[in-house]
PDB file of N, CA and C in Angstrom:
ATOM      1  N   MET A   1       1.147  -1.012   0.232  1.00  0.00           N
ATOM      2  CA  MET A   1      -0.198  -0.217  -0.057  1.00  0.00           C
ATOM      3  C   MET A   1       0.759   1.204  -0.216  1.00  0.00           C
ATOM      4  N   ASN A   2       0.411   2.086  -0.646  1.00  0.00           N
ATOM      5  CA  ASN A   2       1.145   3.449  -1.060  1.00  0.00           C
ATOM      6  C   ASN A   2       0.903   4.443   0.401  1.00  0.00           C
ATOM      7  N   ALA A   3       2.124   5.054   0.533  1.00  0.00           N
ATOM      8  CA  ALA A   3       1.391   5.687   1.449  1.00  0.00           C
ATOM      9  C   ALA A   3       1.153   7.297   0.535  1.00  0.00           C
ATOM     10  N   LYS A   4       0.073   7.899   1.474  1.00  0.00           N
ATOM     11  CA  LYS A   4      -0.402   9.407   0.684  1.00  0.00           C
ATOM     12  C   LYS A   4       0.314  10.586   1.257  1.00  0.00           C
ATOM     13  N   ARG A   5       1.106  11.234   0.208  1.00  0.00           N
ATOM     14  CA  ARG A   5       1.850  12.350   0.292  1.00  0.00           C
ATOM     15  C   ARG A   5       1.295  13.661   0.654  1.00  0.00           C
ATOM     16  N   TYR A   6       0.855  14.134   1.782  1.00  0.00           N
ATOM     17  CA  TYR A   6       0.261  15.795   1.851  1.00  0.00           C
ATOM     18  C   TYR A   6       1.419  16.963   1.440  1.00  0.00           C
ATOM     19  N   SER A   7       0.683  18.019   1.716  1.00  0.00           N
ATOM     20  CA  SER A   7       1.663  19.177   1.348  1.00  0.00           C
ATOM     21  C   SER A   7       2.056  19.745   2.919  1.00  0.00           C
ATOM     22  N   THR A   8       3.294  20.101   2.927  1.00  0.00           N
ATOM     23  CA  THR A   8       3.932  20.835   4.412  1.00  0.00           C
ATOM     24  C   THR A   8       2.513  22.368   4.706  1.00  0.00           C
ATOM     25  N   GLU A   9       2.106  22.946   3.528  1.00  0.00           N
ATOM     26  CA  GLU A   9       1.088  23.829   3.680  1.00  0.00           C
ATOM     27  C   GLU A   9      -0.423  23.302   4.502  1.00  0.00           C
ATOM     28  N   PHE A  10      -0.539  21.917   3.487  1.00  0.00           N
ATOM     29  CA  PHE A  10      -1.994  21.316   4.205  1.00  0.00           C
ATOM     30  C   PHE A  10      -1.531  21.090   5.740  1.00  0.00           C
ATOM     31  N   LYS A  11      -0.527  20.270   5.983  1.00  0.00           N
ATOM     32  CA  LYS A  11       0.032  19.740   7.398  1.00  0.00           C
ATOM     33  C   LYS A  11       0.088  21.080   8.385  1.00  0.00           C
ATOM     34  N   SER A  12       0.501  22.290   7.869  1.00  0.00           N
ATOM     35  CA  SER A  12       0.572  23.555   9.071  1.00  0.00           C
ATOM     36  C   SER A  12      -1.121  23.608   9.198  1.00  0.00           C
ATOM     37  N   SER A  13      -1.805  23.797   7.910  1.00  0.00           N
ATOM     38  CA  SER A  13      -3.058  24.093   8.514  1.00  0.00           C
ATOM     39  C   SER A  13      -4.133  23.355   9.296  1.00  0.00           C
ATOM     40  N   ILE A  14      -3.444  21.957   9.488  1.00  0.00           N
ATOM     41  CA  ILE A  14      -4.419  21.159  10.089  1.00  0.00           C
ATOM     42  C   ILE A  14      -3.748  20.731  11.372  1.00  0.00           C
ATOM     43  N   VAL A  15      -2.669  21.856  11.908  1.00  0.00           N
ATOM     44  CA  VAL A  15      -1.837  21.879  13.000  1.00  0.00           C
ATOM     45  C   VAL A  15      -2.451  23.141  13.393  1.00  0.00           C
ATOM     46  N   THR A  16      -2.494  24.328  13.090  1.00  0.00           N
ATOM     47  CA  THR A  16      -3.234  25.247  13.186  1.00  0.00           C
ATOM     48  C   THR A  16      -4.142  25.332  13.619  1.00  0.00           C
ATOM     49  N   LEU A  17      -4.907  24.927  13.030  1.00  0.00           N
ATOM     50  CA  LEU A  17      -6.618  24.238  13.213  1.00  0.00           C
ATOM     51  C   LEU A  17      -6.733  23.330  14.721  1.00  0.00           C
ATOM     52  N   TYR A  18      -5.644  22.063  14.960  1.00  0.00           N
ATOM     53  CA  TYR A  18      -6.003  21.627  15.992  1.00  0.00           C
ATOM     54  C   TYR A  18      -5.295  22.893  17.504  1.00  0.00           C
ATOM     55  N   ASN A  19      -4.635  23.558  16.795  1.00  0.00           N
ATOM     56  CA  ASN A  19      -3.521  24.821  18.499  1.00  0.00           C
ATOM     57  C   ASN A  19      -4.450  25.445  18.391  1.00  0.00           C
ATOM     58  N   GLU A  20      -5.401  26.124  17.320  1.00  0.00           N
ATOM     59  CA  GLU A  20      -6.957  26.634  17.677  1.00  0.00           C
ATOM     60  C   GLU A  20      -8.035  26.197  18.686  1.00  0.00           C
ATOM     61  N   GLY A  21      -7.891  24.701  18.798  1.00  0.00           N
ATOM     62  CA  GLY A  21      -9.206  23.989  20.204  1.00  0.00           C
ATOM     63  C   GLY A  21      -9.529  23.039  19.546  1.00  0.00           C
ATOM     64  N   ARG A  22      -9.297  22.617  17.856  1.00  0.00           N
ATOM     65  CA  ARG A  22     -10.466  21.252  17.412  1.00  0.00           C
ATOM     66  C   ARG A  22      -9.618  20.274  17.852  1.00  0.00           C
ATOM     67  N   SER A  23     -10.257  19.524  17.736  1.00  0.00           N
ATOM     68  CA  SER A  23      -9.611  17.755  18.397  1.00  0.00           C
ATOM     69  C   SER A  23      -9.458  17.139  16.958  1.00  0.00           C
ATOM     70  N   ALA A  24      -7.913  15.996  17.309  1.00  0.00           N
ATOM     71  CA  ALA A  24      -7.427  15.302  17.038  1.00  0.00           C
ATOM     72  C   ALA A  24      -8.765  14.795  15.961  1.00  0.00           C
ATOM     73  N   ASN A  25      -9.415  13.643  16.619  1.00  0.00           N
ATOM     74  CA  ASN A  25     -10.853  13.115  16.402  1.00  0.00           C
ATOM     75  C   ASN A  25     -11.874  14.417  15.471  1.00  0.00           C
ATOM     76  N   SER A  26     -11.532  15.203  15.209  1.00  0.00           N
ATOM     77  CA  SER A  26     -12.929  16.478  14.510  1.00  0.00           C
ATOM     78  C   SER A  26     -12.312  16.557  13.525  1.00  0.00           C
ATOM     79  N   LEU A  27     -10.832  16.880  13.376  1.00  0.00           N
ATOM     80  CA  LEU A  27      -9.795  17.337  12.015  1.00  0.00           C
ATOM     81  C   LEU A  27      -9.818  15.748  11.606  1.00  0.00           C
ATOM     82  N   ALA A  28      -9.386  14.693  11.839  1.00  0.00           N
ATOM     83  CA  ALA A  28      -8.996  13.927  10.969  1.00  0.00           C
ATOM     84  C   ALA A  28     -10.464  13.044  10.655  1.00  0.00           C
ATOM     85  N   ASN A  29     -11.981  13.322  10.982  1.00  0.00           N
ATOM     86  CA  ASN A  29     -13.189  12.578  10.198  1.00  0.00           C
ATOM     87  C   ASN A  29     -13.509  13.746   9.096  1.00  0.00           C
ATOM     88  N   GLU A  30     -12.893  15.383   9.483  1.00  0.00           N
ATOM     89  CA  GLU A  30     -13.472  16.009   8.618  1.00  0.00           C
ATOM     90  C   GLU A  30     -12.808  16.108   7.062  1.00  0.00           C
ATOM     91  N   TYR A  31     -11.126  15.945   7.327  1.00  0.00           N
ATOM     92  CA  TYR A  31     -10.238  15.576   6.362  1.00  0.00           C
ATOM     93  C   TYR A  31      -9.993  14.554   5.804  1.00  0.00           C
ATOM     94  N   HIS A  32     -10.376  13.075   6.666  1.00  0.00           N
ATOM     95  CA  HIS A  32     -10.129  11.894   6.244  1.00  0.00           C
ATOM     96  C   HIS A  32      -9.062  11.494   6.659  1.00  0.00           C
ATOM     97  N   LEU A  33      -8.921  11.870   7.449  1.00  0.00           N
ATOM     98  CA  LEU A  33      -7.183  11.473   8.038  1.00  0.00           C
ATOM     99  C   LEU A  33      -7.455  10.612   9.414  1.00  0.00           C
ATOM    100  N   ALA A  34      -6.176   9.789   9.381  1.00  0.00           N
ATOM    101  CA  ALA A  34      -6.477   9.136  10.897  1.00  0.00           C
ATOM    102  C   ALA A  34      -6.234   9.712  12.058  1.00  0.00           C
ATOM    103  N   VAL A  35      -6.242   9.254  12.977  1.00  0.00           N
ATOM    104  CA  VAL A  35      -6.103  10.738  14.219  1.00  0.00           C
ATOM    105  C   VAL A  35      -4.532  10.571  14.100  1.00  0.00           C
ATOM    106  N   GLN A  36      -4.285   9.196  14.538  1.00  0.00           N
ATOM    107  CA  GLN A  36      -2.123   8.837  14.364  1.00  0.00           C
ATOM    108  C   GLN A  36      -1.831   9.943  13.296  1.00  0.00           C
ATOM    109  N   THR A  37      -2.309  10.059  12.496  1.00  0.00           N
ATOM    110  CA  THR A  37      -1.665  11.483  11.123  1.00  0.00           C
ATOM    111  C   THR A  37      -1.759  12.588  12.061  1.00  0.00           C
ATOM    112  N   VAL A  38      -2.839  13.194  12.106  1.00  0.00           N
ATOM    113  CA  VAL A  38      -2.832  14.194  12.810  1.00  0.00           C
ATOM    114  C   VAL A  38      -1.909  14.403  14.066  1.00  0.00           C
ATOM    115  N   THR A  39      -2.529  13.494  14.930  1.00  0.00           N
ATOM    116  CA  THR A  39      -1.381  13.469  16.352  1.00  0.00           C
ATOM    117  C   THR A  39      -0.146  13.437  16.212  1.00  0.00           C
ATOM    118  N   GLY A  40       0.470  12.490  15.024  1.00  0.00           N
ATOM    119  CA  GLY A  40       2.044  12.712  14.715  1.00  0.00           C
ATOM    120  C   GLY A  40       2.341  14.464  13.871  1.00  0.00           C
ATOM    121  N   TRP A  41       1.717  15.095  13.015  1.00  0.00           N
ATOM    122  CA  TRP A  41       1.696  16.323  12.654  1.00  0.00           C
ATOM    123  C   TRP A  41       2.066  17.291  14.037  1.00  0.00           C
ATOM    124  N   VAL A  42       1.037  17.272  14.898  1.00  0.00           N
ATOM    125  CA  VAL A  42       1.096  18.155  16.107  1.00  0.00           C
ATOM    126  C   VAL A  42       2.420  18.014  16.333  1.00  0.00           C
ATOM    127  N   LYS A  43       2.669  17.049  17.506  1.00  0.00           N
ATOM    128  CA  LYS A  43       3.893  16.794  17.311  1.00  0.00           C
ATOM    129  C   LYS A  43       5.231  16.783  16.991  1.00  0.00           C
ATOM    130  N   LYS A  44       5.101  16.583  15.685  1.00  0.00           N
ATOM    131  CA  LYS A  44       6.324  17.184  15.545  1.00  0.00           C
ATOM    132  C   LYS A  44       6.325  18.539  14.842  1.00  0.00           C
ATOM    133  N   ALA A  45       5.247  19.519  14.490  1.00  0.00           N
ATOM    134  CA  ALA A  45       5.430  20.961  14.624  1.00  0.00           C
ATOM    135  C   ALA A  45       5.515  21.308  16.160  1.00  0.00           C
ATOM    136  N   GLN A  46       5.433  20.537  16.948  1.00  0.00           N
ATOM    137  CA  GLN A  46       5.310  21.203  18.730  1.00  0.00           C
ATOM    138  C   GLN A  46       6.615  22.108  19.219  1.00  0.00           C
ATOM    139  N   ILE A  47       7.181  22.746  19.561  1.00  0.00           N
ATOM    140  CA  ILE A  47       8.064  24.043  19.637  1.00  0.00           C
ATOM    141  C   ILE A  47       8.419  23.242  21.013  1.00  0.00           C
ATOM    142  N   ILE A  48      10.104  22.599  21.415  1.00  0.00           N
ATOM    143  CA  ILE A  48      10.775  21.826  22.281  1.00  0.00           C
ATOM    144  C   ILE A  48      11.502  22.966  22.668  1.00  0.00           C
ATOM    145  N   GLY A  49      12.274  24.374  22.328  1.00  0.00           N
ATOM    146  CA  GLY A  49      13.120  24.877  22.645  1.00  0.00           C
ATOM    147  C   GLY A  49      13.715  25.887  21.736  1.00  0.00           C
ATOM    148  N   THR A  50      14.754  26.331  21.664  1.00  0.00           N
ATOM    149  CA  THR A  50      15.067  27.210  20.997  1.00  0.00           C
ATOM    150  C   THR A  50      16.832  27.082  20.635  1.00  0.00           C
ATOM    151  N   ASP A  51      17.088  27.718  19.038  1.00  0.00           N
ATOM    152  CA  ASP A  51      18.650  27.357  18.994  1.00  0.00           C
ATOM    153  C   ASP A  51      19.281  28.659  19.803  1.00  0.00           C
ATOM    154  N   VAL A  52      21.195  28.630  19.320  1.00  0.00           N
ATOM    155  CA  VAL A  52      21.645  29.360  19.961  1.00  0.00           C
ATOM    156  C   VAL A  52      21.190  30.997  19.622  1.00  0.00           C
ATOM    157  N   THR A  53      20.432  30.968  18.466  1.00  0.00           N
ATOM    158  CA  THR A  53      19.998  32.399  18.137  1.00  0.00           C
ATOM    159  C   THR A  53      18.858  32.822  18.755  1.00  0.00           C
ATOM    160  N   GLY A  54      18.031  31.782  19.678  1.00  0.00           N
ATOM    161  CA  GLY A  54      16.623  32.495  20.474  1.00  0.00           C
ATOM    162  C   GLY A  54      15.336  31.823  19.655  1.00  0.00           C
ATOM    163  N   LYS A  55      15.703  31.306  18.094  1.00  0.00           N
ATOM    164  CA  LYS A  55      14.728  31.028  17.002  1.00  0.00           C
ATOM    165  C   LYS A  55      14.381  29.784  17.547  1.00  0.00           C
ATOM    166  N   PRO A  56      12.942  29.624  17.632  1.00  0.00           N
ATOM    167  CA  PRO A  56      11.812  27.936  18.010  1.00  0.00           C
ATOM    168  C   PRO A  56      12.544  27.050  17.387  1.00  0.00           C
ATOM    169  N   VAL A  57      13.001  26.088  17.938  1.00  0.00           N
ATOM    170  CA  VAL A  57      12.968  24.481  17.069  1.00  0.00           C
ATOM    171  C   VAL A  57      11.993  23.714  17.713  1.00  0.00           C
ATOM    172  N   THR A  58      11.540  23.526  16.212  1.00  0.00           N
ATOM    173  CA  THR A  58       9.959  22.177  16.579  1.00  0.00           C
ATOM    174  C   THR A  58      10.936  20.951  16.626  1.00  0.00           C
ATOM    175  N   ARG A  59      10.062  20.194  17.205  1.00  0.00           N
ATOM    176  CA  ARG A  59      10.579  18.565  17.430  1.00  0.00           C
ATOM    177  C   ARG A  59      10.955  17.892  16.115  1.00  0.00           C
ATOM    178  N   ALA A  60      10.405  18.202  15.122  1.00  0.00           N
ATOM    179  CA  ALA A  60      11.151  17.647  13.448  1.00  0.00           C
ATOM    180  C   ALA A  60      12.543  18.151  13.075  1.00  0.00           C
ATOM    181  N   GLN A  61      12.391  19.563  13.213  1.00  0.00           N
ATOM    182  CA  GLN A  61      13.843  20.110  13.314  1.00  0.00           C
ATOM    183  C   GLN A  61      14.936  19.141  14.345  1.00  0.00           C
ATOM    184  N   PHE A  62      14.222  19.310  15.709  1.00  0.00           N
ATOM    185  CA  PHE A  62      15.264  18.882  16.731  1.00  0.00           C
ATOM    186  C   PHE A  62      16.116  17.213  16.231  1.00  0.00           C
ATOM    187  N   ASN A  63      15.137  16.809  15.302  1.00  0.00           N
ATOM    188  CA  ASN A  63      15.462  14.961  15.411  1.00  0.00           C
ATOM    189  C   ASN A  63      15.871  15.171  13.756  1.00  0.00           C
ATOM    190  N   ALA A  64      16.288  16.119  13.104  1.00  0.00           N
ATOM    191  CA  ALA A  64      16.920  16.275  11.922  1.00  0.00           C
ATOM    192  C   ALA A  64      18.196  16.684  12.413  1.00  0.00           C
ATOM    193  N   MET A  65      18.016  17.539  13.170  1.00  0.00           N
ATOM    194  CA  MET A  65      19.969  18.049  13.728  1.00  0.00           C
ATOM    195  C   MET A  65      20.112  16.433  14.144  1.00  0.00           C
ATOM    196  N   GLN A  66      19.661  16.122  15.031  1.00  0.00           N
ATOM    197  CA  GLN A  66      20.195  14.535  15.977  1.00  0.00           C
ATOM    198  C   GLN A  66      21.114  14.245  14.500  1.00  0.00           C
ATOM    199  N   LYS A  67      20.009  13.891  13.670  1.00  0.00           N
ATOM    200  CA  LYS A  67      20.622  12.686  12.622  1.00  0.00           C
ATOM    201  C   LYS A  67      21.522  13.123  11.831  1.00  0.00           C
ATOM    202  N   GLU A  68      21.746  14.731  11.541  1.00  0.00           N
ATOM    203  CA  GLU A  68      22.853  15.169  10.915  1.00  0.00           C
ATOM    204  C   GLU A  68      23.623  14.861  11.835  1.00  0.00           C
ATOM    205  N   VAL A  69      23.930  15.207  13.282  1.00  0.00           N
ATOM    206  CA  VAL A  69      25.117  15.062  14.549  1.00  0.00           C
ATOM    207  C   VAL A  69      25.875  13.679  14.454  1.00  0.00           C
ATOM    208  N   ALA A  70      24.906  12.537  14.233  1.00  0.00           N
ATOM    209  CA  ALA A  70      25.487  11.298  14.418  1.00  0.00           C
ATOM    210  C   ALA A  70      25.962  10.989  13.466  1.00  0.00           C
ATOM    211  N   ASN A  71      25.308  11.302  11.755  1.00  0.00           N
ATOM    212  CA  ASN A  71      25.869  11.296  10.873  1.00  0.00           C
ATOM    213  C   ASN A  71      27.951  11.867  10.510  1.00  0.00           C
ATOM    214  N   ILE A  72      27.834  13.072  11.389  1.00  0.00           N
ATOM    215  CA  ILE A  72      29.211  13.785  11.766  1.00  0.00           C
ATOM    216  C   ILE A  72      30.526  12.268  11.876  1.00  0.00           C
ATOM    217  N   ASP A  73      31.688  12.877  10.992  1.00  0.00           N
ATOM    218  CA  ASP A  73      32.544  11.710  11.060  1.00  0.00           C
ATOM    219  C   ASP A  73      33.552  12.626  12.002  1.00  0.00           C
ATOM    220  N   PHE A  74      33.528  12.003  13.518  1.00  0.00           N
ATOM    221  CA  PHE A  74      34.395  12.895  14.482  1.00  0.00           C
ATOM    222  C   PHE A  74      36.772  12.532  14.093  1.00  0.00           C
ATOM    223  N   ASN A  75      36.324  11.245  13.745  1.00  0.00           N
ATOM    224  CA  ASN A  75      37.390  10.334  13.784  1.00  0.00           C
ATOM    225  C   ASN A  75      37.944  10.537  12.034  1.00  0.00           C
ATOM    226  N   PRO A  76      38.457  12.068  11.341  1.00  0.00           N
ATOM    227  CA  PRO A  76      38.593  11.500   9.959  1.00  0.00           C
ATOM    228  C   PRO A  76      40.213  11.014  10.029  1.00  0.00           C
ATOM    229  N   PRO A  77      41.007  10.238   9.051  1.00  0.00           N
ATOM    230  CA  PRO A  77      41.303   9.947   8.805  1.00  0.00           C
ATOM    231  C   PRO A  77      42.668  10.526   9.034  1.00  0.00           C
TER     232      PRO A  77
END
């Protein structure tokens, strides 16, 4: 089964609606999504801290930074 791909704008609009007070269940029903999809997008968009410049960092951005750091070779030849 192929996974559906949703645009960043669509995901952001769902997260915005959730943050404005709509429930994950109502959004899932209205937009024909799985509740887990909605809650996953909300979780990834959650601000979990700030970077060194004070700019907000989302969970998704933090996870990407962790992957990037994990791929750095600290022992060059």
